[in-house]
C-alpha atoms as a PDB file:
ATOM      1  CA  MET A   1      -3.844 -41.353 -71.153  1.00  0.00           C
ATOM      2  CA  ASN A   2      -6.218 -43.398 -73.332  1.00  0.00           C
ATOM      3  CA  ASP A   3      -6.806 -47.090 -74.076  1.00  0.00           C
ATOM      4  CA  THR A   4      -3.482 -47.360 -75.921  1.00  0.00           C
ATOM      5  CA  THR A   5      -1.268 -45.587 -73.398  1.00  0.00           C
ATOM      6  CA  ALA A   6      -0.428 -45.909 -69.728  1.00  0.00           C
ATOM      7  CA  ARG A   7       1.658 -43.764 -67.400  1.00  0.00           C
ATOM      8  CA  ALA A   8       4.717 -45.053 -65.595  1.00  0.00           C
ATOM      9  CA  VAL A   9       7.532 -43.780 -63.376  1.00  0.00           C
ATOM     10  CA  ARG A  10      10.916 -43.680 -65.119  1.00  0.00           C
ATOM     11  CA  PHE A  11      14.497 -42.581 -64.469  1.00  0.00           C
ATOM     12  CA  ASP A  12      17.252 -42.276 -67.068  1.00  0.00           C
ATOM     13  CA  ARG A  13      20.289 -42.183 -64.791  1.00  0.00           C
ATOM     14  CA  TYR A  14      21.256 -42.907 -61.217  1.00  0.00           C
ATOM     15  CA  GLY A  15      20.647 -40.081 -58.796  1.00  0.00           C
ATOM     16  CA  SER A  16      18.462 -38.511 -56.139  1.00  0.00           C
ATOM     17  CA  THR A  17      14.708 -38.140 -56.352  1.00  0.00           C
ATOM     18  CA  ASP A  18      15.032 -35.417 -58.981  1.00  0.00           C
ATOM     19  CA  VAL A  19      15.798 -38.052 -61.659  1.00  0.00           C
ATOM     20  CA  LEU A  20      12.269 -39.474 -61.328  1.00  0.00           C
ATOM     21  CA  TYR A  21       9.560 -38.542 -63.814  1.00  0.00           C
ATOM     22  CA  VAL A  22       6.263 -39.931 -65.099  1.00  0.00           C
ATOM     23  CA  ALA A  23       6.066 -40.811 -68.806  1.00  0.00           C
ATOM     24  CA  ASP A  24       3.349 -41.855 -71.219  1.00  0.00           C
ATOM     25  CA  VAL A  25       4.145 -45.423 -72.317  1.00  0.00           C
ATOM     26  CA  PRO A  26       2.402 -47.997 -74.520  1.00  0.00           C
ATOM     27  CA  MET A  27      -0.384 -49.856 -72.747  1.00  0.00           C
ATOM     28  CA  PRO A  28       1.059 -53.214 -71.641  1.00  0.00           C
ATOM     29  CA  GLU A  29      -0.240 -56.348 -73.334  1.00  0.00           C
ATOM     30  CA  PRO A  30      -0.188 -59.681 -71.529  1.00  0.00           C
ATOM     31  CA  ALA A  31       2.152 -62.399 -72.767  1.00  0.00           C
ATOM     32  CA  ALA A  32       1.239 -66.036 -72.236  1.00  0.00           C
ATOM     33  CA  GLY A  33       0.806 -66.662 -68.522  1.00  0.00           C
ATOM     34  CA  GLU A  34       0.445 -62.954 -67.708  1.00  0.00           C
ATOM     35  CA  VAL A  35      -2.330 -60.565 -66.816  1.00  0.00           C
ATOM     36  CA  VAL A  36      -2.474 -56.783 -67.091  1.00  0.00           C
ATOM     37  CA  VAL A  37      -3.400 -55.021 -63.855  1.00  0.00           C
ATOM     38  CA  ALA A  38      -4.779 -51.498 -63.540  1.00  0.00           C
ATOM     39  CA  VAL A  39      -2.820 -50.470 -60.457  1.00  0.00           C
ATOM     40  CA  LYS A  40      -4.851 -49.039 -57.586  1.00  0.00           C
ATOM     41  CA  ALA A  41      -1.965 -48.830 -55.101  1.00  0.00           C
ATOM     42  CA  ALA A  42       1.760 -49.570 -55.100  1.00  0.00           C
ATOM     43  CA  ALA A  43       4.038 -48.960 -52.118  1.00  0.00           C
ATOM     44  CA  VAL A  44       7.472 -47.360 -52.315  1.00  0.00           C
ATOM     45  CA  ASN A  45      10.365 -49.192 -50.662  1.00  0.00           C
ATOM     46  CA  PRO A  46      13.945 -48.505 -49.535  1.00  0.00           C
ATOM     47  CA  GLY A  47      15.283 -51.096 -51.976  1.00  0.00           C
ATOM     48  CA  GLU A  48      13.801 -49.160 -54.876  1.00  0.00           C
ATOM     49  CA  ALA A  49      15.518 -46.007 -53.656  1.00  0.00           C
ATOM     50  CA  ALA A  50      18.817 -47.891 -53.405  1.00  0.00           C
ATOM     51  CA  ILE A  51      18.446 -49.139 -56.980  1.00  0.00           C
ATOM     52  CA  ARG A  52      17.699 -45.601 -58.196  1.00  0.00           C
ATOM     53  CA  THR A  53      20.789 -44.130 -56.528  1.00  0.00           C
ATOM     54  CA  GLY A  54      23.035 -46.876 -57.904  1.00  0.00           C
ATOM     55  CA  ALA A  55      23.845 -48.247 -54.448  1.00  0.00           C
ATOM     56  CA  LEU A  56      22.838 -51.734 -55.614  1.00  0.00           C
ATOM     57  CA  HIS A  57      24.409 -51.496 -59.070  1.00  0.00           C
ATOM     58  CA  ASP A  58      26.660 -54.520 -58.525  1.00  0.00           C
ATOM     59  CA  ARG A  59      23.734 -56.730 -57.487  1.00  0.00           C
ATOM     60  CA  LEU A  60      20.749 -55.153 -59.239  1.00  0.00           C
ATOM     61  CA  PRO A  61      21.924 -52.928 -62.087  1.00  0.00           C
ATOM     62  CA  ALA A  62      19.404 -50.681 -63.794  1.00  0.00           C
ATOM     63  CA  THR A  63      18.932 -50.586 -67.578  1.00  0.00           C
ATOM     64  CA  PHE A  64      17.916 -47.106 -68.693  1.00  0.00           C
ATOM     65  CA  PRO A  65      15.317 -45.847 -69.038  1.00  0.00           C
ATOM     66  CA  SER A  66      14.333 -47.820 -65.963  1.00  0.00           C
ATOM     67  CA  GLY A  67      10.936 -48.334 -64.410  1.00  0.00           C
ATOM     68  CA  GLU A  68      10.499 -49.116 -60.741  1.00  0.00           C
ATOM     69  CA  GLY A  69       8.172 -50.690 -58.240  1.00  0.00           C
ATOM     70  CA  SER A  70       7.526 -54.162 -56.820  1.00  0.00           C
ATOM     71  CA  ASP A  71       4.360 -54.033 -54.689  1.00  0.00           C
ATOM     72  CA  LEU A  72       1.010 -53.741 -56.405  1.00  0.00           C
ATOM     73  CA  ALA A  73      -2.711 -54.166 -55.999  1.00  0.00           C
ATOM     74  CA  GLY A  74      -5.342 -53.522 -58.610  1.00  0.00           C
ATOM     75  CA  VAL A  75      -7.909 -54.842 -61.046  1.00  0.00           C
ATOM     76  CA  VAL A  76      -7.243 -57.267 -63.907  1.00  0.00           C
ATOM     77  CA  THR A  77      -7.930 -55.619 -67.271  1.00  0.00           C
ATOM     78  CA  ALA A  78      -6.538 -58.235 -69.690  1.00  0.00           C
ATOM     79  CA  VAL A  79      -5.608 -61.919 -69.518  1.00  0.00           C
ATOM     80  CA  GLY A  80      -2.943 -63.728 -71.543  1.00  0.00           C
ATOM     81  CA  ASP A  81      -3.058 -67.220 -73.015  1.00  0.00           C
ATOM     82  CA  GLY A  82      -2.914 -70.032 -70.492  1.00  0.00           C
ATOM     83  CA  VAL A  83      -4.239 -68.043 -67.535  1.00  0.00           C
ATOM     84  CA  GLY A  84      -7.202 -69.793 -65.989  1.00  0.00           C
ATOM     85  CA  GLU A  85      -7.259 -68.551 -62.417  1.00  0.00           C
ATOM     86  CA  PHE A  86      -7.984 -64.871 -63.114  1.00  0.00           C
ATOM     87  CA  ALA A  87     -10.499 -63.018 -65.277  1.00  0.00           C
ATOM     88  CA  VAL A  88     -11.026 -59.398 -66.264  1.00  0.00           C
ATOM     89  CA  GLY A  89     -12.434 -57.514 -63.291  1.00  0.00           C
ATOM     90  CA  ASP A  90     -10.761 -59.614 -60.587  1.00  0.00           C
ATOM     91  CA  GLU A  91      -9.184 -57.711 -57.703  1.00  0.00           C
ATOM     92  CA  VAL A  92      -5.636 -58.913 -57.057  1.00  0.00           C
ATOM     93  CA  LEU A  93      -2.453 -58.142 -55.158  1.00  0.00           C
ATOM     94  CA  GLY A  94       1.088 -59.298 -55.664  1.00  0.00           C
ATOM     95  CA  TYR A  95       4.396 -58.211 -57.078  1.00  0.00           C
ATOM     96  CA  SER A  96       6.430 -57.358 -60.139  1.00  0.00           C
ATOM     97  CA  TRP A  97      10.033 -58.458 -60.581  1.00  0.00           C
ATOM     98  CA  THR A  98      10.509 -56.243 -63.643  1.00  0.00           C
ATOM     99  CA  ARG A  99      10.359 -52.886 -61.807  1.00  0.00           C
ATOM    100  CA  SER A 100       7.028 -51.950 -63.280  1.00  0.00           C
ATOM    101  CA  SER A 101       4.389 -51.413 -60.585  1.00  0.00           C
ATOM    102  CA  HIS A 102       4.813 -47.648 -60.163  1.00  0.00           C
ATOM    103  CA  ALA A 103       2.474 -47.116 -63.077  1.00  0.00           C
ATOM    104  CA  THR A 104      -1.177 -46.965 -63.986  1.00  0.00           C
ATOM    105  CA  HIS A 105      -0.968 -50.431 -65.620  1.00  0.00           C
ATOM    106  CA  THR A 106       1.516 -53.287 -65.571  1.00  0.00           C
ATOM    107  CA  ALA A 107       1.755 -56.819 -66.989  1.00  0.00           C
ATOM    108  CA  VAL A 108       2.519 -59.429 -64.334  1.00  0.00           C
ATOM    109  CA  PRO A 109       2.875 -63.229 -64.405  1.00  0.00           C
ATOM    110  CA  ALA A 110      -0.269 -64.735 -62.934  1.00  0.00           C
ATOM    111  CA  GLY A 111       1.858 -66.797 -60.542  1.00  0.00           C
ATOM    112  CA  GLN A 112       2.935 -63.597 -58.792  1.00  0.00           C
ATOM    113  CA  LEU A 113      -0.618 -62.609 -57.869  1.00  0.00           C
ATOM    114  CA  ILE A 114      -3.280 -63.703 -55.415  1.00  0.00           C
ATOM    115  CA  ARG A 115      -6.879 -62.566 -55.034  1.00  0.00           C
ATOM    116  CA  LYS A 116      -7.215 -59.507 -52.822  1.00  0.00           C
ATOM    117  CA  PRO A 117      -9.164 -60.293 -49.670  1.00  0.00           C
ATOM    118  CA  PRO A 118     -12.159 -57.928 -49.570  1.00  0.00           C
ATOM    119  CA  GLU A 119     -11.230 -56.846 -46.032  1.00  0.00           C
ATOM    120  CA  LEU A 120      -8.050 -55.131 -47.303  1.00  0.00           C
ATOM    121  CA  SER A 121      -8.098 -51.531 -48.495  1.00  0.00           C
ATOM    122  CA  TRP A 122      -6.245 -50.764 -51.710  1.00  0.00           C
ATOM    123  CA  PRO A 123      -3.360 -48.976 -49.919  1.00  0.00           C
ATOM    124  CA  VAL A 124      -2.867 -51.911 -47.537  1.00  0.00           C
ATOM    125  CA  ALA A 125      -3.120 -54.491 -50.326  1.00  0.00           C
ATOM    126  CA  GLY A 126      -0.649 -52.491 -52.406  1.00  0.00           C
ATOM    127  CA  SER A 127       1.803 -52.464 -49.489  1.00  0.00           C
ATOM    128  CA  LEU A 128       1.680 -56.135 -48.631  1.00  0.00           C
ATOM    129  CA  TYR A 129       4.316 -57.898 -50.721  1.00  0.00           C
ATOM    130  CA  VAL A 130       7.692 -56.364 -49.849  1.00  0.00           C
ATOM    131  CA  VAL A 131       7.098 -55.803 -46.147  1.00  0.00           C
ATOM    132  CA  GLY A 132       5.026 -58.958 -45.692  1.00  0.00           C
ATOM    133  CA  CYS A 133       7.361 -61.388 -47.422  1.00  0.00           C
ATOM    134  CA  THR A 134      10.514 -59.677 -46.108  1.00  0.00           C
ATOM    135  CA  ALA A 135       9.220 -59.758 -42.540  1.00  0.00           C
ATOM    136  CA  TYR A 136       8.105 -63.369 -42.946  1.00  0.00           C
ATOM    137  CA  ALA A 137      11.559 -64.374 -44.231  1.00  0.00           C
ATOM    138  CA  ALA A 138      13.333 -62.499 -41.424  1.00  0.00           C
ATOM    139  CA  VAL A 139      11.224 -64.047 -38.673  1.00  0.00           C
ATOM    140  CA  ARG A 140      11.514 -67.504 -40.210  1.00  0.00           C
ATOM    141  CA  ALA A 141      15.314 -67.100 -40.371  1.00  0.00           C
ATOM    142  CA  VAL A 142      15.646 -66.754 -36.581  1.00  0.00           C
ATOM    143  CA  ASP A 143      12.855 -69.285 -35.917  1.00  0.00           C
ATOM    144  CA  PRO A 144      11.630 -67.863 -32.589  1.00  0.00           C
ATOM    145  CA  LYS A 145      10.043 -70.160 -30.056  1.00  0.00           C
ATOM    146  CA  PRO A 146       7.277 -69.066 -27.679  1.00  0.00           C
ATOM    147  CA  GLY A 147       8.771 -67.150 -24.778  1.00  0.00           C
ATOM    148  CA  GLU A 148      12.081 -66.339 -26.481  1.00  0.00           C
ATOM    149  CA  THR A 149      13.325 -62.746 -26.569  1.00  0.00           C
ATOM    150  CA  VAL A 150      14.036 -61.179 -29.960  1.00  0.00           C
ATOM    151  CA  ALA A 151      15.507 -57.697 -30.496  1.00  0.00           C
ATOM    152  CA  VAL A 152      14.506 -55.786 -33.636  1.00  0.00           C
ATOM    153  CA  SER A 153      16.231 -52.671 -34.988  1.00  0.00           C
ATOM    154  CA  ALA A 154      14.141 -50.097 -36.883  1.00  0.00           C
ATOM    155  CA  ALA A 155      11.189 -51.785 -35.241  1.00  0.00           C
ATOM    156  CA  ALA A 156       8.646 -49.145 -36.241  1.00  0.00           C
ATOM    157  CA  GLY A 157       9.539 -48.895 -39.936  1.00  0.00           C
ATOM    158  CA  GLY A 158       7.679 -50.470 -42.824  1.00  0.00           C
ATOM    159  CA  VAL A 159       9.163 -53.948 -42.390  1.00  0.00           C
ATOM    160  CA  GLY A 160       9.679 -53.513 -38.661  1.00  0.00           C
ATOM    161  CA  THR A 161       6.016 -53.007 -37.851  1.00  0.00           C
ATOM    162  CA  VAL A 162       5.237 -56.315 -39.534  1.00  0.00           C
ATOM    163  CA  VAL A 163       8.198 -58.151 -37.956  1.00  0.00           C
ATOM    164  CA  VAL A 164       7.083 -57.028 -34.487  1.00  0.00           C
ATOM    165  CA  GLN A 165       3.577 -58.334 -35.096  1.00  0.00           C
ATOM    166  CA  LEU A 166       4.688 -61.630 -36.659  1.00  0.00           C
ATOM    167  CA  LEU A 167       6.958 -62.245 -33.687  1.00  0.00           C
ATOM    168  CA  GLY A 168       3.975 -61.621 -31.439  1.00  0.00           C
ATOM    169  CA  VAL A 169       1.928 -64.168 -33.386  1.00  0.00           C
ATOM    170  CA  ARG A 170       4.767 -66.641 -32.758  1.00  0.00           C
ATOM    171  CA  GLY A 171       4.647 -65.923 -29.013  1.00  0.00           C
ATOM    172  CA  ALA A 172       8.043 -64.220 -28.766  1.00  0.00           C
ATOM    173  CA  ARG A 173       8.916 -61.316 -26.488  1.00  0.00           C
ATOM    174  CA  VAL A 174      10.023 -58.359 -28.627  1.00  0.00           C
ATOM    175  CA  LEU A 175      12.545 -55.644 -27.791  1.00  0.00           C
ATOM    176  CA  GLY A 176      11.715 -52.923 -30.314  1.00  0.00           C
ATOM    177  CA  ILE A 177      14.607 -50.547 -31.025  1.00  0.00           C
ATOM    178  CA  ALA A 178      13.170 -47.253 -32.256  1.00  0.00           C
ATOM    179  CA  SER A 179      12.849 -43.566 -31.478  1.00  0.00           C
ATOM    180  CA  SER A 180      10.821 -42.422 -28.502  1.00  0.00           C
ATOM    181  CA  ALA A 181       8.145 -41.161 -30.900  1.00  0.00           C
ATOM    182  CA  ASN A 182       7.294 -44.803 -31.617  1.00  0.00           C
ATOM    183  CA  ALA A 183       7.170 -45.989 -28.018  1.00  0.00           C
ATOM    184  CA  ASP A 184       3.382 -45.942 -27.735  1.00  0.00           C
ATOM    185  CA  TRP A 185       2.880 -47.917 -30.962  1.00  0.00           C
ATOM    186  CA  LEU A 186       5.374 -50.588 -29.887  1.00  0.00           C
ATOM    187  CA  THR A 187       3.852 -50.883 -26.413  1.00  0.00           C
ATOM    188  CA  ALA A 188       0.364 -51.157 -27.887  1.00  0.00           C
ATOM    189  CA  HIS A 189       1.588 -54.074 -30.013  1.00  0.00           C
ATOM    190  CA  GLY A 190       3.110 -55.991 -27.118  1.00  0.00           C
ATOM    191  CA  ALA A 191       6.749 -54.959 -27.593  1.00  0.00           C
ATOM    192  CA  THR A 192       9.160 -53.441 -25.094  1.00  0.00           C
ATOM    193  CA  HIS A 193      10.424 -50.137 -26.474  1.00  0.00           C
ATOM    194  CA  VAL A 194      14.200 -49.638 -26.317  1.00  0.00           C
ATOM    195  CA  PRO A 195      15.406 -46.207 -27.535  1.00  0.00           C
ATOM    196  CA  TYR A 196      18.258 -46.276 -30.040  1.00  0.00           C
ATOM    197  CA  GLY A 197      21.454 -44.273 -29.595  1.00  0.00           C
ATOM    198  CA  GLU A 198      24.431 -44.225 -27.271  1.00  0.00           C
ATOM    199  CA  GLY A 199      24.137 -46.778 -24.481  1.00  0.00           C
ATOM    200  CA  LEU A 200      21.854 -49.089 -26.483  1.00  0.00           C
ATOM    201  CA  ALA A 201      23.729 -52.251 -25.497  1.00  0.00           C
ATOM    202  CA  GLU A 202      23.266 -51.454 -21.814  1.00  0.00           C
ATOM    203  CA  ARG A 203      19.559 -50.683 -22.300  1.00  0.00           C
ATOM    204  CA  LEU A 204      19.018 -53.973 -24.163  1.00  0.00           C
ATOM    205  CA  THR A 205      20.807 -55.913 -21.443  1.00  0.00           C
ATOM    206  CA  ALA A 206      18.740 -54.203 -18.776  1.00  0.00           C
ATOM    207  CA  ALA A 207      15.521 -54.976 -20.660  1.00  0.00           C
ATOM    208  CA  ALA A 208      16.470 -58.654 -21.010  1.00  0.00           C
ATOM    209  CA  PRO A 209      18.548 -59.649 -17.970  1.00  0.00           C
ATOM    210  CA  ASP A 210      18.168 -63.333 -18.861  1.00  0.00           C
ATOM    211  CA  GLY A 211      19.637 -62.754 -22.320  1.00  0.00           C
ATOM    212  CA  ILE A 212      18.483 -62.093 -25.872  1.00  0.00           C
ATOM    213  CA  ASP A 213      17.858 -65.197 -27.970  1.00  0.00           C
ATOM    214  CA  ALA A 214      17.796 -63.644 -31.452  1.00  0.00           C
ATOM    215  CA  PHE A 215      18.292 -60.337 -33.248  1.00  0.00           C
ATOM    216  CA  ILE A 216      16.644 -59.062 -36.455  1.00  0.00           C
ATOM    217  CA  ASP A 217      18.416 -56.087 -38.058  1.00  0.00           C
ATOM    218  CA  LEU A 218      16.384 -53.884 -40.382  1.00  0.00           C
ATOM    219  CA  PHE A 219      18.667 -50.833 -40.439  1.00  0.00           C
ATOM    220  CA  GLY A 220      22.428 -51.289 -40.801  1.00  0.00           C
ATOM    221  CA  PRO A 221      25.653 -53.194 -40.037  1.00  0.00           C
ATOM    222  CA  GLU A 222      26.212 -51.585 -36.654  1.00  0.00           C
ATOM    223  CA  TYR A 223      23.247 -53.573 -35.333  1.00  0.00           C
ATOM    224  CA  VAL A 224      24.575 -56.878 -36.670  1.00  0.00           C
ATOM    225  CA  GLN A 225      27.849 -56.159 -34.878  1.00  0.00           C
ATOM    226  CA  LEU A 226      25.930 -55.211 -31.737  1.00  0.00           C
ATOM    227  CA  ALA A 227      24.078 -58.519 -31.827  1.00  0.00           C
ATOM    228  CA  ALA A 228      27.379 -60.392 -32.045  1.00  0.00           C
ATOM    229  CA  ASP A 229      28.844 -58.293 -29.233  1.00  0.00           C
ATOM    230  CA  LEU A 230      25.848 -59.235 -27.079  1.00  0.00           C
ATOM    231  CA  GLY A 231      26.790 -62.881 -27.528  1.00  0.00           C
ATOM    232  CA  ILE A 232      23.893 -63.901 -29.763  1.00  0.00           C
ATOM    233  CA  ALA A 233      24.723 -66.952 -31.875  1.00  0.00           C
ATOM    234  CA  PRO A 234      25.351 -66.075 -35.550  1.00  0.00           C
ATOM    235  CA  ASP A 235      22.594 -68.422 -36.732  1.00  0.00           C
ATOM    236  CA  ARG A 236      20.112 -66.433 -34.627  1.00  0.00           C
ATOM    237  CA  ILE A 237      21.174 -63.074 -36.120  1.00  0.00           C
ATOM    238  CA  GLU A 238      19.317 -61.973 -39.261  1.00  0.00           C
ATOM    239  CA  THR A 239      19.663 -58.832 -41.378  1.00  0.00           C
ATOM    240  CA  ILE A 240      17.684 -57.742 -44.414  1.00  0.00           C
ATOM    241  CA  ILE A 241      20.166 -55.052 -45.449  1.00  0.00           C
ATOM    242  CA  SER A 242      23.724 -55.615 -44.155  1.00  0.00           C
ATOM    243  CA  TYR A 243      24.900 -58.383 -46.474  1.00  0.00           C
ATOM    244  CA  ALA A 244      28.658 -57.805 -46.146  1.00  0.00           C
ATOM    245  CA  LYS A 245      28.469 -57.722 -42.353  1.00  0.00           C
ATOM    246  CA  ALA A 246      26.370 -60.877 -42.342  1.00  0.00           C
ATOM    247  CA  ARG A 247      29.018 -62.680 -44.414  1.00  0.00           C
ATOM    248  CA  GLU A 248      31.762 -61.400 -42.118  1.00  0.00           C
ATOM    249  CA  LEU A 249      30.081 -62.685 -38.962  1.00  0.00           C
ATOM    250  CA  GLY A 250      28.294 -65.727 -40.365  1.00  0.00           C
ATOM    251  CA  ALA A 251      24.856 -64.229 -39.730  1.00  0.00           C
ATOM    252  CA  LYS A 252      21.793 -64.771 -41.901  1.00  0.00           C
ATOM    253  CA  ALA A 253      20.539 -62.395 -44.599  1.00  0.00           C
ATOM    254  CA  ALA A 254      17.139 -63.632 -45.729  1.00  0.00           C
ATOM    255  CA  GLY A 255      14.867 -61.258 -47.622  1.00  0.00           C
ATOM    256  CA  SER A 256      11.712 -61.014 -49.682  1.00  0.00           C
ATOM    257  CA  ALA A 257      13.122 -63.196 -52.478  1.00  0.00           C
ATOM    258  CA  ASP A 258      13.415 -66.051 -49.973  1.00  0.00           C
ATOM    259  CA  ALA A 259       9.689 -65.900 -49.214  1.00  0.00           C
ATOM    260  CA  SER A 260       8.254 -64.794 -52.562  1.00  0.00           C
ATOM    261  CA  THR A 261       5.650 -67.491 -52.986  1.00  0.00           C
ATOM    262  CA  ARG A 262       1.913 -67.471 -53.349  1.00  0.00           C
ATOM    263  CA  GLU A 263       1.677 -69.562 -50.191  1.00  0.00           C
ATOM    264  CA  VAL A 264       3.543 -67.019 -48.058  1.00  0.00           C
ATOM    265  CA  LEU A 265       1.717 -64.062 -49.599  1.00  0.00           C
ATOM    266  CA  THR A 266      -1.624 -65.789 -49.001  1.00  0.00           C
ATOM    267  CA  GLU A 267      -0.698 -66.527 -45.385  1.00  0.00           C
ATOM    268  CA  VAL A 268       0.339 -62.940 -44.696  1.00  0.00           C
ATOM    269  CA  ALA A 269      -2.736 -61.541 -46.460  1.00  0.00           C
ATOM    270  CA  GLY A 270      -4.888 -63.826 -44.342  1.00  0.00           C
ATOM    271  CA  LEU A 271      -3.267 -62.597 -41.126  1.00  0.00           C
ATOM    272  CA  VAL A 272      -3.938 -58.997 -42.161  1.00  0.00           C
ATOM    273  CA  ALA A 273      -7.499 -59.711 -43.321  1.00  0.00           C
ATOM    274  CA  SER A 274      -8.281 -61.425 -40.019  1.00  0.00           C
ATOM    275  CA  GLY A 275      -6.901 -58.514 -38.004  1.00  0.00           C
ATOM    276  CA  ARG A 276      -4.119 -60.530 -36.367  1.00  0.00           C
ATOM    277  CA  ILE A 277      -1.558 -58.157 -37.855  1.00  0.00           C
ATOM    278  CA  GLY A 278      -1.893 -54.721 -39.435  1.00  0.00           C
ATOM    279  CA  ILE A 279      -0.026 -52.895 -42.190  1.00  0.00           C
ATOM    280  CA  PRO A 280       0.155 -49.234 -41.129  1.00  0.00           C
ATOM    281  CA  VAL A 281      -0.097 -46.800 -44.048  1.00  0.00           C
ATOM    282  CA  ALA A 282       1.640 -43.523 -43.250  1.00  0.00           C
ATOM    283  CA  ALA A 283       0.880 -41.578 -46.431  1.00  0.00           C
ATOM    284  CA  ALA A 284      -0.515 -41.889 -49.959  1.00  0.00           C
ATOM    285  CA  TYR A 285       0.710 -39.879 -52.947  1.00  0.00           C
ATOM    286  CA  PRO A 286      -0.563 -39.584 -56.528  1.00  0.00           C
ATOM    287  CA  LEU A 287       1.750 -41.021 -59.174  1.00  0.00           C
ATOM    288  CA  ASP A 288       3.050 -37.626 -60.292  1.00  0.00           C
ATOM    289  CA  LYS A 289       4.209 -36.937 -56.720  1.00  0.00           C
ATOM    290  CA  VAL A 290       6.539 -39.947 -56.729  1.00  0.00           C
ATOM    291  CA  ALA A 291       9.598 -37.810 -55.934  1.00  0.00           C
ATOM    292  CA  GLU A 292       7.887 -36.414 -52.830  1.00  0.00           C
ATOM    293  CA  ALA A 293       6.905 -39.932 -51.763  1.00  0.00           C
ATOM    294  CA  PHE A 294      10.526 -41.077 -51.906  1.00  0.00           C
ATOM    295  CA  GLU A 295      11.749 -37.945 -50.163  1.00  0.00           C
ATOM    296  CA  GLU A 296       9.506 -38.808 -47.223  1.00  0.00           C
ATOM    297  CA  LEU A 297      10.617 -42.440 -47.310  1.00  0.00           C
ATOM    298  CA  GLU A 298      14.305 -41.556 -47.392  1.00  0.00           C
ATOM    299  CA  ARG A 299      14.077 -39.447 -44.249  1.00  0.00           C
ATOM    300  CA  ARG A 300      13.738 -42.870 -42.547  1.00  0.00           C
ATOM    301  CA  HIS A 301      11.406 -41.709 -39.801  1.00  0.00           C
ATOM    302  CA  THR A 302       8.078 -42.936 -41.191  1.00  0.00           C
ATOM    303  CA  ARG A 303       6.023 -45.450 -39.230  1.00  0.00           C
ATOM    304  CA  GLY A 304       4.458 -47.815 -41.754  1.00  0.00           C
ATOM    305  CA  LYS A 305       4.161 -47.663 -45.525  1.00  0.00           C
ATOM    306  CA  ILE A 306       4.136 -44.878 -48.095  1.00  0.00           C
ATOM    307  CA  VAL A 307       1.947 -45.677 -51.096  1.00  0.00           C
ATOM    308  CA  LEU A 308       1.461 -44.394 -54.627  1.00  0.00           C
ATOM    309  CA  VAL A 309      -2.171 -44.328 -55.798  1.00  0.00           C
ATOM    310  CA  PRO A 310      -2.141 -43.959 -59.610  1.00  0.00           C
END
């Protein structure tokens, strides 16, 4: 790589992690309203894996060769016309909607970036957007009041760890559905651990004998159905993944796109910078180990975020 080239993750067809590769590409140049960011960290996310496999082809089709990546944090290296709020050398975090952050450099509209608080490490800053805005949207969708009980599936995953903490900030009681390996983390963050598996409905009922007020699903349609079977009102059931089931039952399906604003990103970054919530980082991989990063992600047993560090 030199001043005229960058490196970026690409895939030329739908498939498993073996379709991923890193290519030399022309160094991005900023259009009007954009900046170029030298990426210091960019998280990998389940939605990106679903796009790569073709599972989201009807909603989010890929055009080949396709890049990937939404989260990013890094340093501004070039500024386009009309950008007044950032200068070369500024440390920023934010997001790409053109599947371009899994790279050494990417051009991003300035409106999709905020200044990186100095308290945030690069891996945390590069993990903030998808989990932060998705968790914010999910919690906002069920609108918990202080003292209400909210159940959360996949409560120790990337989004789940943030949902649990945001619910705590709102004063809710959290029932965290997760494996026993995550019990200590959930307890340490004020949640009641409820192991998943056969008999889950009975365990949830026993943990909340006065009833469950809301349910946030971060895993799959069986949990949306479970929430309905427990008698939770459809407008207090939220899923970030089970869109068809949500339509069937009249539940909510808010996601990161519903909270992708500078205001929300700034609020979440402030909560992390102040220590009120944390973004656990499970592992960091160099860019050329992107396939290994996604293999770990797709095992679906990681607590916190997996990050690429170009």
